[in-house]
Amino acid sequence: MKTKYLLGICALAIGSVAMTSCGDDDTYDVVGNPDTFVYVNIAGYFPEGMPKNSFSYLLYHTPVGPIVMDEPGDIEIDVLCTKNAPSDIQVTLEVAPDMSVPGYATIPADAGITVTLASNSLTIPAGKNRSDDKIAVTVNTANADWSKLTEKAYLLPIRISSASGATPSRSVGCAYIGVLTDVKAGMVNESATQATGTQITDKTDWTASYYVPATGAGADCTDKLFDGNNNNYAYFVPNHADATNEEVITTFDLGKVYTLSSVQFNYFGNYYAIKDGTIETSVDGEEWTVQGTRTWSRLSRNCAFAFWAPFQMRYVRLTSHSFYGGTNEGQAMAEFWAYE
């Protein structure tokens, strides 16, 4: 879903705390300076790892290639001031790829990401505190080569280059197009909230067993986990009075190699569900690959692992690290589902 943002570029009579560099938050340029400054002041949420006035893409480098998980949506800029302008204030903006920001990389010119402004100037009319028009910012990623963005964070500034009758702020005179990156070593998409794909209903040759390393307990639980009945469950760790960090390893053999997009573990009830777990997969039962770890809220009795893309496996191993428990509860898994 696209979200429209407004970049507020405001003209203020400044009398606050000194600042020296573009990007510092909630303070202004010169202590006691009576001049009028034009500055960027976007009200709203800014992604962690980005400065104020940022509109950021979240980029994951996964085993199947770079994937953009989130983007800022449509961006528009309008211009404001905290008092009515004594005369027209002309504000000029520019995309500033030459400008570097300490602590952030510059988006490479050959990455194929372009930023353009529909216009480069706005006017605050005399007697008003806001411009009558807005500037649309277009970020074109159709030809983006996201694989070139391997640093943790990138910024491309949109800078106030001039303002008639006012002074562009040195400290907060920029908005930023940003990219935050992260590396995902496994195939589990921790951001996915539910299973994806088509549920496999024929479980004729499937088997399952569990093992509790701390106690040595374990058994075959095939008759419990594939019958579609949440009231017929395998009770792995019973009768704990609190949320115990006691690992349980559950291994599933699907009888043949499938190409799966997700798997899901259903628990008897909220209090019997795991808090966090790690998925491993194998095609032969000998070589295992850790695909990732997920954490759920206390209200999640259906715990799904969705993958970045479908891939092959015959064996699935879940190591549950901890679970949500109350008096006389423990880990009680009821069902296992796989999705092509």
Protein backbone atom coordinates (compact mmCIF):
# COMPACT_ATOMS: atom_id res chain seq x y z
CA MET A 1 0.00 0.00 0.00
CA LYS A 2 1.35 3.41 -0.93
CA THR A 3 1.59 6.06 1.79
CA LYS A 4 1.82 9.75 1.02
CA TYR A 5 4.28 11.79 3.04
CA LEU A 6 4.66 15.53 3.32
CA LEU A 7 8.07 17.09 3.76
CA GLY A 8 7.54 20.33 5.64
CA ILE A 9 10.19 22.94 4.83
CA CYS A 10 9.64 25.71 7.32
CA ALA A 11 10.90 29.26 7.78
CA LEU A 12 11.51 30.16 11.43
CA ALA A 13 12.83 33.06 13.46
CA ILE A 14 15.53 31.09 15.31
CA GLY A 15 16.50 31.53 18.92
CA SER A 16 17.50 28.09 20.08
CA VAL A 17 20.44 25.69 20.38
CA ALA A 18 23.52 25.85 18.12
CA MET A 19 24.04 23.24 15.42
CA THR A 20 26.77 22.68 12.88
CA SER A 21 25.87 19.79 10.62
CA CYS A 22 22.93 18.73 8.46
CA GLY A 23 20.96 15.93 10.06
CA ASP A 24 20.97 16.74 13.79
CA ASP A 25 17.51 16.52 15.37
CA ASP A 26 15.26 19.04 17.09
CA THR A 27 17.73 21.93 17.40
CA TYR A 28 18.57 24.89 15.20
CA ASP A 29 21.51 26.71 13.70
CA VAL A 30 22.58 29.65 15.86
CA VAL A 31 21.85 30.56 19.47
CA GLY A 32 19.98 33.87 19.64
CA ASN A 33 20.20 34.51 15.90
CA PRO A 34 17.27 36.77 14.90
CA ASP A 35 17.39 35.77 11.22
CA THR A 36 14.74 33.68 9.49
CA PHE A 37 15.84 30.17 8.53
CA VAL A 38 14.31 27.75 6.05
CA TYR A 39 14.59 24.14 7.11
CA VAL A 40 13.17 20.65 6.62
CA ASN A 41 10.94 19.39 9.40
CA ILE A 42 9.06 16.19 8.59
CA ALA A 43 6.68 15.23 11.36
CA GLY A 44 6.33 11.49 11.75
CA TYR A 45 8.16 8.20 12.17
CA PHE A 46 11.66 7.75 10.82
CA PRO A 47 13.21 4.29 10.45
CA GLU A 48 15.74 3.28 13.06
CA GLY A 49 19.20 3.81 11.62
CA MET A 50 18.16 6.83 9.53
CA PRO A 51 18.25 10.52 10.46
CA LYS A 52 15.18 12.71 10.76
CA ASN A 53 13.56 13.66 7.43
CA SER A 54 14.33 10.25 5.86
CA PHE A 55 12.19 8.21 3.49
CA SER A 56 13.72 4.77 3.44
CA TYR A 57 13.71 1.49 1.56
CA LEU A 58 14.36 -1.67 3.58
CA LEU A 59 16.57 -4.05 1.58
CA TYR A 60 17.35 -7.65 2.53
CA HIS A 61 20.17 -9.60 0.91
CA THR A 62 18.82 -13.17 0.96
CA PRO A 63 20.05 -16.52 -0.40
CA VAL A 64 17.83 -15.96 -3.46
CA GLY A 65 19.05 -12.41 -4.07
CA PRO A 66 18.21 -8.86 -2.93
CA ILE A 67 14.59 -8.30 -1.88
CA VAL A 68 13.04 -4.91 -1.09
CA MET A 69 10.78 -5.46 1.92
CA ASP A 70 9.45 -1.94 2.40
CA GLU A 71 9.44 1.40 0.60
CA PRO A 72 8.31 4.90 1.55
CA GLY A 73 5.53 5.33 -1.03
CA ASP A 74 4.65 8.60 -2.76
CA ILE A 75 6.57 11.62 -1.53
CA GLU A 76 5.52 15.27 -1.78
CA ILE A 77 7.22 18.37 -0.46
CA ASP A 78 5.47 21.50 0.70
CA VAL A 79 6.91 24.59 2.37
CA LEU A 80 5.82 26.16 5.65
CA CYS A 81 6.82 28.88 8.05
CA THR A 82 5.83 29.48 11.65
CA LYS A 83 4.67 33.04 10.99
CA ASN A 84 3.10 34.70 8.01
CA ALA A 85 5.74 35.60 5.44
CA PRO A 86 6.30 39.40 5.26
CA SER A 87 6.89 38.97 1.51
CA ASP A 88 7.02 36.07 -0.93
CA ILE A 89 9.68 33.54 0.07
CA GLN A 90 11.06 31.59 -2.89
CA VAL A 91 12.58 28.26 -1.84
CA THR A 92 14.72 26.27 -4.27
CA LEU A 93 15.52 22.58 -3.80
CA GLU A 94 17.87 20.17 -5.54
CA VAL A 95 18.84 16.52 -5.48
CA ALA A 96 22.39 16.48 -4.12
CA PRO A 97 24.21 13.23 -5.02
CA ASP A 98 27.51 15.03 -4.40
CA MET A 99 26.69 15.59 -0.74
CA SER A 100 28.04 13.06 1.76
CA VAL A 101 26.61 12.47 5.22
CA PRO A 102 28.95 11.19 7.97
CA GLY A 103 28.14 7.61 8.91
CA TYR A 104 26.20 6.84 5.71
CA ALA A 105 27.26 5.61 2.29
CA THR A 106 26.37 7.41 -0.93
CA ILE A 107 24.03 5.53 -3.29
CA PRO A 108 26.31 4.36 -6.15
CA ALA A 109 25.73 6.10 -9.48
CA ASP A 110 25.69 2.72 -11.26
CA ALA A 111 23.03 1.23 -8.93
CA GLY A 112 20.30 2.40 -11.29
CA ILE A 113 18.32 4.34 -8.66
CA THR A 114 17.26 7.83 -9.82
CA VAL A 115 15.57 10.60 -7.85
CA THR A 116 13.93 13.54 -9.63
CA LEU A 117 11.86 16.53 -8.58
CA ALA A 118 8.77 17.52 -10.56
CA SER A 119 9.78 21.15 -9.90
CA ASN A 120 12.69 22.74 -8.09
CA SER A 121 11.00 25.72 -6.39
CA LEU A 122 8.15 26.55 -4.08
CA THR A 123 6.74 29.85 -2.85
CA ILE A 124 5.39 30.86 0.52
CA PRO A 125 3.11 33.79 -0.47
CA ALA A 126 3.24 37.03 1.50
CA GLY A 127 0.81 36.89 4.40
CA LYS A 128 0.73 33.08 4.48
CA ASN A 129 2.69 30.48 6.39
CA ARG A 130 2.46 27.72 3.81
CA SER A 131 3.03 27.32 0.12
CA ASP A 132 0.02 26.88 -2.14
CA ASP A 133 1.67 24.09 -4.11
CA LYS A 134 3.87 21.04 -3.53
CA ILE A 135 6.78 19.30 -5.21
CA ALA A 136 6.47 15.61 -6.06
CA VAL A 137 9.60 13.50 -5.60
CA THR A 138 9.94 10.48 -7.89
CA VAL A 139 12.23 7.60 -6.97
CA ASN A 140 12.68 5.30 -9.96
CA THR A 141 13.93 1.82 -9.06
CA ALA A 142 12.77 0.01 -12.21
CA ASN A 143 16.39 -0.48 -13.29
CA ALA A 144 17.86 -0.77 -9.79
CA ASP A 145 20.73 -3.17 -9.18
CA TRP A 146 20.16 -3.70 -5.46
CA SER A 147 23.10 -6.10 -5.25
CA LYS A 148 25.44 -3.09 -5.41
CA LEU A 149 24.11 -1.80 -2.09
CA THR A 150 26.06 -3.84 0.44
CA GLU A 151 26.74 -1.22 3.14
CA LYS A 152 24.40 -0.93 6.13
CA ALA A 153 22.83 2.41 5.21
CA TYR A 154 22.73 4.82 2.26
CA LEU A 155 21.47 8.40 1.91
CA LEU A 156 20.71 10.59 -1.10
CA PRO A 157 19.96 14.15 0.13
CA ILE A 158 17.37 16.54 -1.26
CA ARG A 159 18.83 19.88 -0.27
CA ILE A 160 17.51 23.43 0.09
CA SER A 161 19.87 25.33 -2.18
CA SER A 162 18.47 28.85 -1.73
CA ALA A 163 15.66 30.86 -0.17
CA SER A 164 14.86 34.50 -0.94
CA GLY A 165 14.45 36.59 2.17
CA ALA A 166 15.54 33.70 4.38
CA THR A 167 18.59 31.53 5.09
CA PRO A 168 18.72 27.77 4.33
CA SER A 169 19.43 25.85 7.50
CA ARG A 170 22.84 24.19 7.71
CA SER A 171 21.62 21.77 10.35
CA VAL A 172 18.26 20.53 9.10
CA GLY A 173 18.13 21.78 5.54
CA CYS A 174 17.81 18.35 3.90
CA ALA A 175 15.39 15.52 3.31
CA TYR A 176 16.83 12.10 2.49
CA ILE A 177 16.05 9.16 0.26
CA GLY A 178 17.58 6.27 2.20
CA VAL A 179 18.23 2.55 1.91
CA LEU A 180 18.67 0.36 5.00
CA THR A 181 20.18 -3.07 4.30
CA ASP A 182 20.49 -6.36 6.17
CA VAL A 183 21.88 -9.81 5.32
CA LYS A 184 19.67 -12.88 5.82
CA ALA A 185 21.79 -16.03 5.76
CA GLY A 186 18.85 -18.45 5.67
CA MET A 187 15.61 -18.85 3.75
CA VAL A 188 13.21 -17.92 6.58
CA ASN A 189 11.48 -14.57 6.12
CA GLU A 190 11.14 -13.35 9.71
CA SER A 191 8.77 -10.60 8.59
CA ALA A 192 6.14 -12.95 7.15
CA THR A 193 3.07 -13.24 9.38
CA GLN A 194 1.48 -16.39 7.93
CA ALA A 195 2.13 -19.46 5.82
CA THR A 196 2.15 -19.07 2.03
CA GLY A 197 1.42 -21.53 -0.76
CA THR A 198 -0.94 -24.50 -1.15
CA GLN A 199 -1.39 -26.76 1.86
CA ILE A 200 -0.42 -30.42 1.32
CA THR A 201 -3.24 -32.65 2.52
CA ASP A 202 -1.82 -36.12 1.75
CA LYS A 203 0.48 -36.96 4.70
CA THR A 204 0.41 -40.73 4.25
CA ASP A 205 4.18 -41.30 4.42
CA TRP A 206 5.05 -38.55 6.89
CA THR A 207 6.66 -39.32 10.25
CA ALA A 208 7.70 -37.21 13.25
CA SER A 209 9.67 -37.60 16.47
CA TYR A 210 10.83 -35.31 19.27
CA TYR A 211 13.77 -35.14 21.68
CA VAL A 212 14.37 -33.04 24.81
CA PRO A 213 18.16 -32.67 25.27
CA ALA A 214 17.90 -31.49 28.90
CA THR A 215 16.05 -34.58 30.10
CA GLY A 216 16.67 -37.16 27.40
CA ALA A 217 12.94 -37.57 26.88
CA GLY A 218 11.72 -38.28 23.37
CA ALA A 219 9.44 -40.46 21.29
CA ASP A 220 7.78 -40.97 17.94
CA CYS A 221 4.78 -38.65 17.62
CA THR A 222 3.58 -39.45 14.10
CA ASP A 223 0.06 -40.35 15.28
CA LYS A 224 -0.34 -36.96 16.95
CA LEU A 225 0.85 -34.39 14.43
CA PHE A 226 -0.73 -35.24 11.07
CA ASP A 227 -4.38 -36.03 11.88
CA GLY A 228 -5.88 -32.50 11.62
CA ASN A 229 -7.01 -32.58 15.26
CA ASN A 230 -5.61 -29.89 17.57
CA ASN A 231 -6.98 -31.79 20.59
CA ASN A 232 -4.75 -34.77 19.79
CA TYR A 233 -1.31 -33.41 20.65
CA ALA A 234 2.22 -34.45 21.57
CA TYR A 235 3.09 -33.21 25.07
CA PHE A 236 6.84 -32.52 24.88
CA VAL A 237 7.55 -30.59 28.10
CA PRO A 238 4.73 -30.91 30.65
CA ASN A 239 3.91 -29.33 33.99
CA HIS A 240 6.09 -26.25 34.19
CA ALA A 241 5.09 -23.37 36.43
CA ASP A 242 6.66 -20.66 34.29
CA ALA A 243 8.08 -19.99 30.81
CA THR A 244 11.01 -22.41 30.82
CA ASN A 245 13.94 -22.13 28.41
CA GLU A 246 14.01 -25.85 27.76
CA GLU A 247 14.77 -26.81 24.16
CA VAL A 248 12.81 -29.39 22.23
CA ILE A 249 13.98 -30.77 18.86
CA THR A 250 11.20 -32.05 16.57
CA THR A 251 12.14 -33.79 13.32
CA PHE A 252 9.79 -34.41 10.39
CA ASP A 253 10.36 -36.80 7.48
CA LEU A 254 7.99 -36.08 4.59
CA GLY A 255 8.81 -39.32 2.80
CA LYS A 256 10.05 -37.65 -0.39
CA VAL A 257 11.56 -34.36 -1.56
CA TYR A 258 9.07 -31.49 -1.86
CA THR A 259 9.54 -27.92 -3.06
CA LEU A 260 8.01 -25.96 -0.18
CA SER A 261 7.16 -22.29 0.29
CA SER A 262 6.41 -22.53 4.04
CA VAL A 263 5.75 -24.83 7.00
CA GLN A 264 3.56 -24.33 10.05
CA PHE A 265 3.41 -25.77 13.58
CA ASN A 266 0.09 -25.68 15.42
CA TYR A 267 0.01 -25.90 19.21
CA PHE A 268 -2.74 -27.08 21.55
CA GLY A 269 -3.27 -23.58 22.95
CA ASN A 270 -1.64 -20.21 23.44
CA TYR A 271 -0.05 -21.21 26.73
CA TYR A 272 1.43 -24.35 25.19
CA ALA A 273 3.04 -22.64 22.16
CA ILE A 274 6.70 -21.88 21.60
CA LYS A 275 8.16 -18.41 22.00
CA ASP A 276 10.99 -18.78 19.49
CA GLY A 277 12.30 -21.50 17.23
CA THR A 278 14.93 -22.28 14.60
CA ILE A 279 14.24 -24.17 11.37
CA GLU A 280 16.72 -26.50 9.65
CA THR A 281 16.07 -28.39 6.41
CA SER A 282 17.67 -31.31 4.58
CA VAL A 283 17.09 -33.34 1.43
CA ASP A 284 18.86 -36.47 2.68
CA GLY A 285 18.67 -36.35 6.49
CA GLU A 286 22.47 -36.10 6.72
CA GLU A 287 23.37 -32.57 5.63
CA TRP A 288 21.31 -29.92 7.42
CA THR A 289 21.08 -26.17 6.69
CA VAL A 290 19.93 -23.63 9.27
CA GLN A 291 17.28 -21.51 7.54
CA GLY A 292 16.51 -18.98 10.30
CA THR A 293 14.84 -18.21 13.62
CA ARG A 294 11.48 -16.65 14.39
CA THR A 295 9.85 -15.27 17.54
CA TRP A 296 6.09 -15.09 18.21
CA SER A 297 3.81 -13.26 20.59
CA ARG A 298 2.06 -15.05 23.43
CA LEU A 299 -1.18 -15.12 21.40
CA SER A 300 0.29 -17.19 18.54
CA ARG A 301 -0.72 -20.86 18.68
CA ASN A 302 -0.08 -21.29 14.92
CA CYS A 303 3.61 -20.66 14.24
CA ALA A 304 4.50 -20.40 10.55
CA PHE A 305 7.88 -20.21 8.84
CA ALA A 306 7.53 -18.68 5.36
CA PHE A 307 10.51 -18.77 2.98
CA TRP A 308 11.89 -16.16 0.62
CA ALA A 309 11.15 -18.52 -2.25
CA PRO A 310 10.10 -22.19 -2.57
CA PHE A 311 13.00 -24.65 -2.28
CA GLN A 312 13.59 -28.37 -1.92
CA MET A 313 13.54 -30.37 1.28
CA ARG A 314 12.45 -33.76 2.59
CA TYR A 315 13.34 -33.30 6.25
CA VAL A 316 12.39 -30.39 8.51
CA ARG A 317 13.83 -29.93 11.98
CA LEU A 318 12.46 -27.43 14.50
CA THR A 319 14.46 -26.52 17.58
CA SER A 320 12.15 -24.65 19.94
CA HIS A 321 14.26 -22.61 22.34
CA SER A 322 11.60 -21.46 24.80
CA PHE A 323 7.85 -21.38 25.18
CA TYR A 324 5.05 -19.47 26.87
CA GLY A 325 3.84 -21.45 29.88
CA GLY A 326 1.71 -21.03 32.97
CA THR A 327 0.91 -23.33 35.89
CA ASN A 328 0.75 -26.96 34.73
CA GLU A 329 1.40 -26.02 31.10
CA GLY A 330 4.29 -26.84 28.79
CA GLN A 331 5.01 -27.47 25.12
CA ALA A 332 2.16 -29.32 23.40
CA MET A 333 2.39 -29.47 19.58
CA ALA A 334 -0.82 -30.49 17.82
CA GLU A 335 -0.24 -30.31 14.04
CA PHE A 336 2.40 -29.89 11.33
CA TRP A 337 1.51 -28.46 7.93
CA ALA A 338 3.62 -27.99 4.81
CA TYR A 339 2.81 -25.74 1.84
CA GLU A 340 3.97 -26.04 -1.78
